Amino acid sequence: MKSTLERSLMTSQPRTEQGSRSATHVRRVRCTKASGSRFSCQVTFEDGSSRRVTARERSDGDVVLG
């Protein structure tokens, strides 16, 4: 799930020219099941900032934000 969320977050917040120093590089993802196939995830970035996102697992196994 970490790699899926990182790719999605990088698409919505592209990296800057500095690359790896960008806040969009995910350090840790912790998810708890909210209901059914929905999850509430706390995403911590390399710069120490964090963001709460919701994700859901589709019937085909893919994970999507929202």
PDB file of N, CA and C in Angstrom:
ATOM      1  N   MET A   1       0.828  -1.181   0.000  1.00  0.00           N
ATOM      2  CA  MET A   1       0.000   0.000   0.000  1.00  0.00           C
ATOM      3  C   MET A   1       0.875   1.249   0.000  1.00  0.00           C
ATOM      4  N   LYS A   2       2.041   1.186   0.652  1.00  0.00           N
ATOM      5  CA  LYS A   2       2.932   2.347   0.714  1.00  0.00           C
ATOM      6  C   LYS A   2       3.316   2.836  -0.676  1.00  0.00           C
ATOM      7  N   SER A   3       3.718   1.930  -1.551  1.00  0.00           N
ATOM      8  CA  SER A   3       4.148   2.355  -2.886  1.00  0.00           C
ATOM      9  C   SER A   3       2.996   2.932  -3.696  1.00  0.00           C
ATOM     10  N   THR A   4       1.796   2.369  -3.539  1.00  0.00           N
ATOM     11  CA  THR A   4       0.625   2.896  -4.244  1.00  0.00           C
ATOM     12  C   THR A   4       0.319   4.311  -3.774  1.00  0.00           C
ATOM     13  N   LEU A   5       0.318   4.535  -2.464  1.00  0.00           N
ATOM     14  CA  LEU A   5       0.051   5.869  -1.928  1.00  0.00           C
ATOM     15  C   LEU A   5       1.137   6.857  -2.329  1.00  0.00           C
ATOM     16  N   GLU A   6       2.399   6.413  -2.295  1.00  0.00           N
ATOM     17  CA  GLU A   6       3.489   7.312  -2.677  1.00  0.00           C
ATOM     18  C   GLU A   6       3.338   7.747  -4.135  1.00  0.00           C
ATOM     19  N   ARG A   7       3.043   6.813  -5.033  1.00  0.00           N
ATOM     20  CA  ARG A   7       2.857   7.166  -6.439  1.00  0.00           C
ATOM     21  C   ARG A   7       1.693   8.136  -6.612  1.00  0.00           C
ATOM     22  N   SER A   8       0.592   7.886  -5.918  1.00  0.00           N
ATOM     23  CA  SER A   8      -0.578   8.760  -6.023  1.00  0.00           C
ATOM     24  C   SER A   8      -0.283  10.149  -5.479  1.00  0.00           C
ATOM     25  N   LEU A   9       0.395  10.228  -4.354  1.00  0.00           N
ATOM     26  CA  LEU A   9       0.715  11.521  -3.754  1.00  0.00           C
ATOM     27  C   LEU A   9       1.735  12.279  -4.591  1.00  0.00           C
ATOM     28  N   MET A  10       2.670  11.578  -5.213  1.00  0.00           N
ATOM     29  CA  MET A  10       3.656  12.235  -6.058  1.00  0.00           C
ATOM     30  C   MET A  10       2.989  12.795  -7.305  1.00  0.00           C
ATOM     31  N   THR A  11       1.961  12.125  -7.798  1.00  0.00           N
ATOM     32  CA  THR A  11       1.241  12.619  -8.966  1.00  0.00           C
ATOM     33  C   THR A  11       0.491  13.895  -8.621  1.00  0.00           C
ATOM     34  N   SER A  12      -0.105  13.941  -7.419  1.00  0.00           N
ATOM     35  CA  SER A  12      -0.875  15.124  -7.040  1.00  0.00           C
ATOM     36  C   SER A  12       0.008  16.248  -6.513  1.00  0.00           C
ATOM     37  N   GLN A  13       1.226  15.915  -6.053  1.00  0.00           N
ATOM     38  CA  GLN A  13       2.173  16.901  -5.548  1.00  0.00           C
ATOM     39  C   GLN A  13       3.555  16.555  -6.108  1.00  0.00           C
ATOM     40  N   PRO A  14       3.839  16.905  -7.355  1.00  0.00           N
ATOM     41  CA  PRO A  14       5.104  16.485  -7.975  1.00  0.00           C
ATOM     42  C   PRO A  14       6.333  16.958  -7.197  1.00  0.00           C
ATOM     43  N   ARG A  15       7.381  16.191  -7.313  1.00  0.00           N
ATOM     44  CA  ARG A  15       8.644  16.535  -6.651  1.00  0.00           C
ATOM     45  C   ARG A  15       9.240  17.804  -7.239  1.00  0.00           C
ATOM     46  N   THR A  16       9.988  18.470  -6.409  1.00  0.00           N
ATOM     47  CA  THR A  16      10.674  19.673  -6.861  1.00  0.00           C
ATOM     48  C   THR A  16      11.988  19.282  -7.526  1.00  0.00           C
ATOM     49  N   GLU A  17      12.740  20.240  -8.010  1.00  0.00           N
ATOM     50  CA  GLU A  17      14.022  19.955  -8.655  1.00  0.00           C
ATOM     51  C   GLU A  17      15.010  19.298  -7.700  1.00  0.00           C
ATOM     52  N   GLN A  18      14.836  19.521  -6.403  1.00  0.00           N
ATOM     53  CA  GLN A  18      15.753  18.925  -5.430  1.00  0.00           C
ATOM     54  C   GLN A  18      15.543  17.420  -5.288  1.00  0.00           C
ATOM     55  N   GLY A  19      14.449  16.908  -5.829  1.00  0.00           N
ATOM     56  CA  GLY A  19      14.199  15.465  -5.848  1.00  0.00           C
ATOM     57  C   GLY A  19      13.950  14.863  -4.494  1.00  0.00           C
ATOM     58  N   SER A  20      14.923  14.145  -3.943  1.00  0.00           N
ATOM     59  CA  SER A  20      14.715  13.361  -2.738  1.00  0.00           C
ATOM     60  C   SER A  20      14.404  14.202  -1.502  1.00  0.00           C
ATOM     61  N   ARG A  21      14.654  15.508  -1.558  1.00  0.00           N
ATOM     62  CA  ARG A  21      14.337  16.350  -0.406  1.00  0.00           C
ATOM     63  C   ARG A  21      12.870  16.751  -0.395  1.00  0.00           C
ATOM     64  N   SER A  22      12.134  16.342  -1.375  1.00  0.00           N
ATOM     65  CA  SER A  22      10.726  16.705  -1.491  1.00  0.00           C
ATOM     66  C   SER A  22       9.894  16.056  -0.399  1.00  0.00           C
ATOM     67  N   ALA A  23       8.874  16.779   0.030  1.00  0.00           N
ATOM     68  CA  ALA A  23       7.963  16.258   1.051  1.00  0.00           C
ATOM     69  C   ALA A  23       7.139  15.092   0.534  1.00  0.00           C
ATOM     70  N   THR A  24       7.131  14.844  -0.770  1.00  0.00           N
ATOM     71  CA  THR A  24       6.301  13.769  -1.295  1.00  0.00           C
ATOM     72  C   THR A  24       6.962  12.395  -1.182  1.00  0.00           C
ATOM     73  N   HIS A  25       8.205  12.312  -0.704  1.00  0.00           N
ATOM     74  CA  HIS A  25       8.827  11.009  -0.513  1.00  0.00           C
ATOM     75  C   HIS A  25       8.298  10.407   0.784  1.00  0.00           C
ATOM     76  N   VAL A  26       7.597   9.299   0.690  1.00  0.00           N
ATOM     77  CA  VAL A  26       6.924   8.702   1.835  1.00  0.00           C
ATOM     78  C   VAL A  26       7.902   7.887   2.679  1.00  0.00           C
ATOM     79  N   ARG A  27       7.920   8.166   3.971  1.00  0.00           N
ATOM     80  CA  ARG A  27       8.753   7.416   4.912  1.00  0.00           C
ATOM     81  C   ARG A  27       7.957   6.264   5.522  1.00  0.00           C
ATOM     82  N   ARG A  28       6.693   6.550   5.912  1.00  0.00           N
ATOM     83  CA  ARG A  28       5.910   5.536   6.629  1.00  0.00           C
ATOM     84  C   ARG A  28       4.426   5.709   6.315  1.00  0.00           C
ATOM     85  N   VAL A  29       3.737   4.592   6.228  1.00  0.00           N
ATOM     86  CA  VAL A  29       2.290   4.596   6.043  1.00  0.00           C
ATOM     87  C   VAL A  29       1.691   3.666   7.090  1.00  0.00           C
ATOM     88  N   ARG A  30       0.732   4.180   7.832  1.00  0.00           N
ATOM     89  CA  ARG A  30       0.012   3.354   8.813  1.00  0.00           C
ATOM     90  C   ARG A  30      -1.472   3.468   8.508  1.00  0.00           C
ATOM     91  N   CYS A  31      -2.085   2.332   8.239  1.00  0.00           N
ATOM     92  CA  CYS A  31      -3.495   2.323   7.856  1.00  0.00           C
ATOM     93  C   CYS A  31      -4.318   1.501   8.838  1.00  0.00           C
ATOM     94  N   THR A  32      -5.543   1.956   9.054  1.00  0.00           N
ATOM     95  CA  THR A  32      -6.512   1.186   9.824  1.00  0.00           C
ATOM     96  C   THR A  32      -7.771   1.053   8.970  1.00  0.00           C
ATOM     97  N   LYS A  33      -8.421  -0.074   9.113  1.00  0.00           N
ATOM     98  CA  LYS A  33      -9.629  -0.321   8.320  1.00  0.00           C
ATOM     99  C   LYS A  33     -10.759   0.545   8.860  1.00  0.00           C
ATOM    100  N   ALA A  34     -11.369   1.325   7.983  1.00  0.00           N
ATOM    101  CA  ALA A  34     -12.477   2.193   8.381  1.00  0.00           C
ATOM    102  C   ALA A  34     -13.797   1.436   8.255  1.00  0.00           C
ATOM    103  N   SER A  35     -14.027   0.842   7.099  1.00  0.00           N
ATOM    104  CA  SER A  35     -15.229   0.038   6.865  1.00  0.00           C
ATOM    105  C   SER A  35     -15.112  -0.634   5.511  1.00  0.00           C
ATOM    106  N   GLY A  36     -15.609  -1.852   5.419  1.00  0.00           N
ATOM    107  CA  GLY A  36     -15.569  -2.568   4.138  1.00  0.00           C
ATOM    108  C   GLY A  36     -14.182  -2.573   3.526  1.00  0.00           C
ATOM    109  N   SER A  37     -14.046  -1.929   2.378  1.00  0.00           N
ATOM    110  CA  SER A  37     -12.756  -1.886   1.685  1.00  0.00           C
ATOM    111  C   SER A  37     -12.080  -0.522   1.844  1.00  0.00           C
ATOM    112  N   ARG A  38     -12.564   0.312   2.785  1.00  0.00           N
ATOM    113  CA  ARG A  38     -12.003   1.649   3.007  1.00  0.00           C
ATOM    114  C   ARG A  38     -11.018   1.644   4.180  1.00  0.00           C
ATOM    115  N   PHE A  39      -9.941   2.409   3.998  1.00  0.00           N
ATOM    116  CA  PHE A  39      -8.902   2.520   5.013  1.00  0.00           C
ATOM    117  C   PHE A  39      -8.613   3.987   5.286  1.00  0.00           C
ATOM    118  N   SER A  40      -8.250   4.279   6.521  1.00  0.00           N
ATOM    119  CA  SER A  40      -7.791   5.611   6.895  1.00  0.00           C
ATOM    120  C   SER A  40      -6.287   5.476   7.146  1.00  0.00           C
ATOM    121  N   CYS A  41      -5.498   6.269   6.423  1.00  0.00           N
ATOM    122  CA  CYS A  41      -4.041   6.109   6.483  1.00  0.00           C
ATOM    123  C   CYS A  41      -3.358   7.394   6.916  1.00  0.00           C
ATOM    124  N   GLN A  42      -2.397   7.258   7.823  1.00  0.00           N
ATOM    125  CA  GLN A  42      -1.553   8.370   8.222  1.00  0.00           C
ATOM    126  C   GLN A  42      -0.239   8.210   7.464  1.00  0.00           C
ATOM    127  N   VAL A  43       0.073   9.174   6.606  1.00  0.00           N
ATOM    128  CA  VAL A  43       1.270   9.124   5.775  1.00  0.00           C
ATOM    129  C   VAL A  43       2.289  10.100   6.347  1.00  0.00           C
ATOM    130  N   THR A  44       3.497   9.607   6.640  1.00  0.00           N
ATOM    131  CA  THR A  44       4.578  10.460   7.129  1.00  0.00           C
ATOM    132  C   THR A  44       5.616  10.573   6.025  1.00  0.00           C
ATOM    133  N   PHE A  45       5.987  11.822   5.718  1.00  0.00           N
ATOM    134  CA  PHE A  45       6.943  12.096   4.645  1.00  0.00           C
ATOM    135  C   PHE A  45       8.355  12.220   5.197  1.00  0.00           C
ATOM    136  N   GLU A  46       9.344  12.147   4.320  1.00  0.00           N
ATOM    137  CA  GLU A  46      10.754  12.219   4.715  1.00  0.00           C
ATOM    138  C   GLU A  46      11.104  13.498   5.468  1.00  0.00           C
ATOM    139  N   ASP A  47      10.391  14.598   5.182  1.00  0.00           N
ATOM    140  CA  ASP A  47      10.709  15.849   5.874  1.00  0.00           C
ATOM    141  C   ASP A  47      10.045  15.941   7.247  1.00  0.00           C
ATOM    142  N   GLY A  48       9.346  14.866   7.674  1.00  0.00           N
ATOM    143  CA  GLY A  48       8.719  14.825   8.986  1.00  0.00           C
ATOM    144  C   GLY A  48       7.270  15.271   8.996  1.00  0.00           C
ATOM    145  N   SER A  49       6.787  15.873   7.914  1.00  0.00           N
ATOM    146  CA  SER A  49       5.386  16.280   7.860  1.00  0.00           C
ATOM    147  C   SER A  49       4.513  15.040   7.663  1.00  0.00           C
ATOM    148  N   SER A  50       3.230  15.199   7.931  1.00  0.00           N
ATOM    149  CA  SER A  50       2.328  14.058   7.767  1.00  0.00           C
ATOM    150  C   SER A  50       1.004  14.526   7.191  1.00  0.00           C
ATOM    151  N   ARG A  51       0.256  13.558   6.704  1.00  0.00           N
ATOM    152  CA  ARG A  51      -1.035  13.835   6.075  1.00  0.00           C
ATOM    153  C   ARG A  51      -1.921  12.615   6.252  1.00  0.00           C
ATOM    154  N   ARG A  52      -3.190  12.839   6.551  1.00  0.00           N
ATOM    155  CA  ARG A  52      -4.144  11.732   6.655  1.00  0.00           C
ATOM    156  C   ARG A  52      -4.893  11.631   5.332  1.00  0.00           C
ATOM    157  N   VAL A  53      -4.958  10.429   4.795  1.00  0.00           N
ATOM    158  CA  VAL A  53      -5.661  10.187   3.544  1.00  0.00           C
ATOM    159  C   VAL A  53      -6.581   8.984   3.717  1.00  0.00           C
ATOM    160  N   THR A  54      -7.584   8.920   2.878  1.00  0.00           N
ATOM    161  CA  THR A  54      -8.429   7.732   2.843  1.00  0.00           C
ATOM    162  C   THR A  54      -8.110   6.973   1.564  1.00  0.00           C
ATOM    163  N   ALA A  55      -8.144   5.681   1.663  1.00  0.00           N
ATOM    164  CA  ALA A  55      -7.858   4.826   0.519  1.00  0.00           C
ATOM    165  C   ALA A  55      -8.889   3.704   0.506  1.00  0.00           C
ATOM    166  N   ARG A  56      -9.080   3.140  -0.663  1.00  0.00           N
ATOM    167  CA  ARG A  56      -9.968   1.979  -0.747  1.00  0.00           C
ATOM    168  C   ARG A  56      -9.365   0.958  -1.690  1.00  0.00           C
ATOM    169  N   GLU A  57      -9.655  -0.290  -1.384  1.00  0.00           N
ATOM    170  CA  GLU A  57      -9.188  -1.382  -2.226  1.00  0.00           C
ATOM    171  C   GLU A  57     -10.321  -1.769  -3.160  1.00  0.00           C
ATOM    172  N   ARG A  58     -10.055  -1.706  -4.455  1.00  0.00           N
ATOM    173  CA  ARG A  58     -11.069  -2.065  -5.444  1.00  0.00           C
ATOM    174  C   ARG A  58     -11.180  -3.576  -5.533  1.00  0.00           C
ATOM    175  N   SER A  59     -12.232  -4.042  -6.167  1.00  0.00           N
ATOM    176  CA  SER A  59     -12.464  -5.481  -6.291  1.00  0.00           C
ATOM    177  C   SER A  59     -11.354  -6.183  -7.067  1.00  0.00           C
ATOM    178  N   ASP A  60     -10.626  -5.432  -7.931  1.00  0.00           N
ATOM    179  CA  ASP A  60      -9.523  -6.045  -8.679  1.00  0.00           C
ATOM    180  C   ASP A  60      -8.208  -6.025  -7.891  1.00  0.00           C
ATOM    181  N   GLY A  61      -8.245  -5.518  -6.639  1.00  0.00           N
ATOM    182  CA  GLY A  61      -7.054  -5.518  -5.801  1.00  0.00           C
ATOM    183  C   GLY A  61      -6.270  -4.224  -5.819  1.00  0.00           C
ATOM    184  N   ASP A  62      -6.546  -3.326  -6.762  1.00  0.00           N
ATOM    185  CA  ASP A  62      -5.848  -2.044  -6.807  1.00  0.00           C
ATOM    186  C   ASP A  62      -6.289  -1.173  -5.637  1.00  0.00           C
ATOM    187  N   VAL A  63      -5.368  -0.335  -5.170  1.00  0.00           N
ATOM    188  CA  VAL A  63      -5.643   0.603  -4.091  1.00  0.00           C
ATOM    189  C   VAL A  63      -5.699   1.996  -4.684  1.00  0.00           C
ATOM    190  N   VAL A  64      -6.755   2.750  -4.362  1.00  0.00           N
ATOM    191  CA  VAL A  64      -6.914   4.102  -4.878  1.00  0.00           C
ATOM    192  C   VAL A  64      -7.202   5.050  -3.726  1.00  0.00           C
ATOM    193  N   LEU A  65      -6.772   6.308  -3.876  1.00  0.00           N
ATOM    194  CA  LEU A  65      -7.077   7.317  -2.876  1.00  0.00           C
ATOM    195  C   LEU A  65      -8.517   7.747  -3.018  1.00  0.00           C
ATOM    196  N   GLY A  66      -9.112   8.081  -1.881  1.00  0.00           N
ATOM    197  CA  GLY A  66     -10.465   8.626  -1.903  1.00  0.00           C
ATOM    198  C   GLY A  66     -11.532   7.701  -1.615  1.00  0.00           C
TER     199      GLY A  66
END
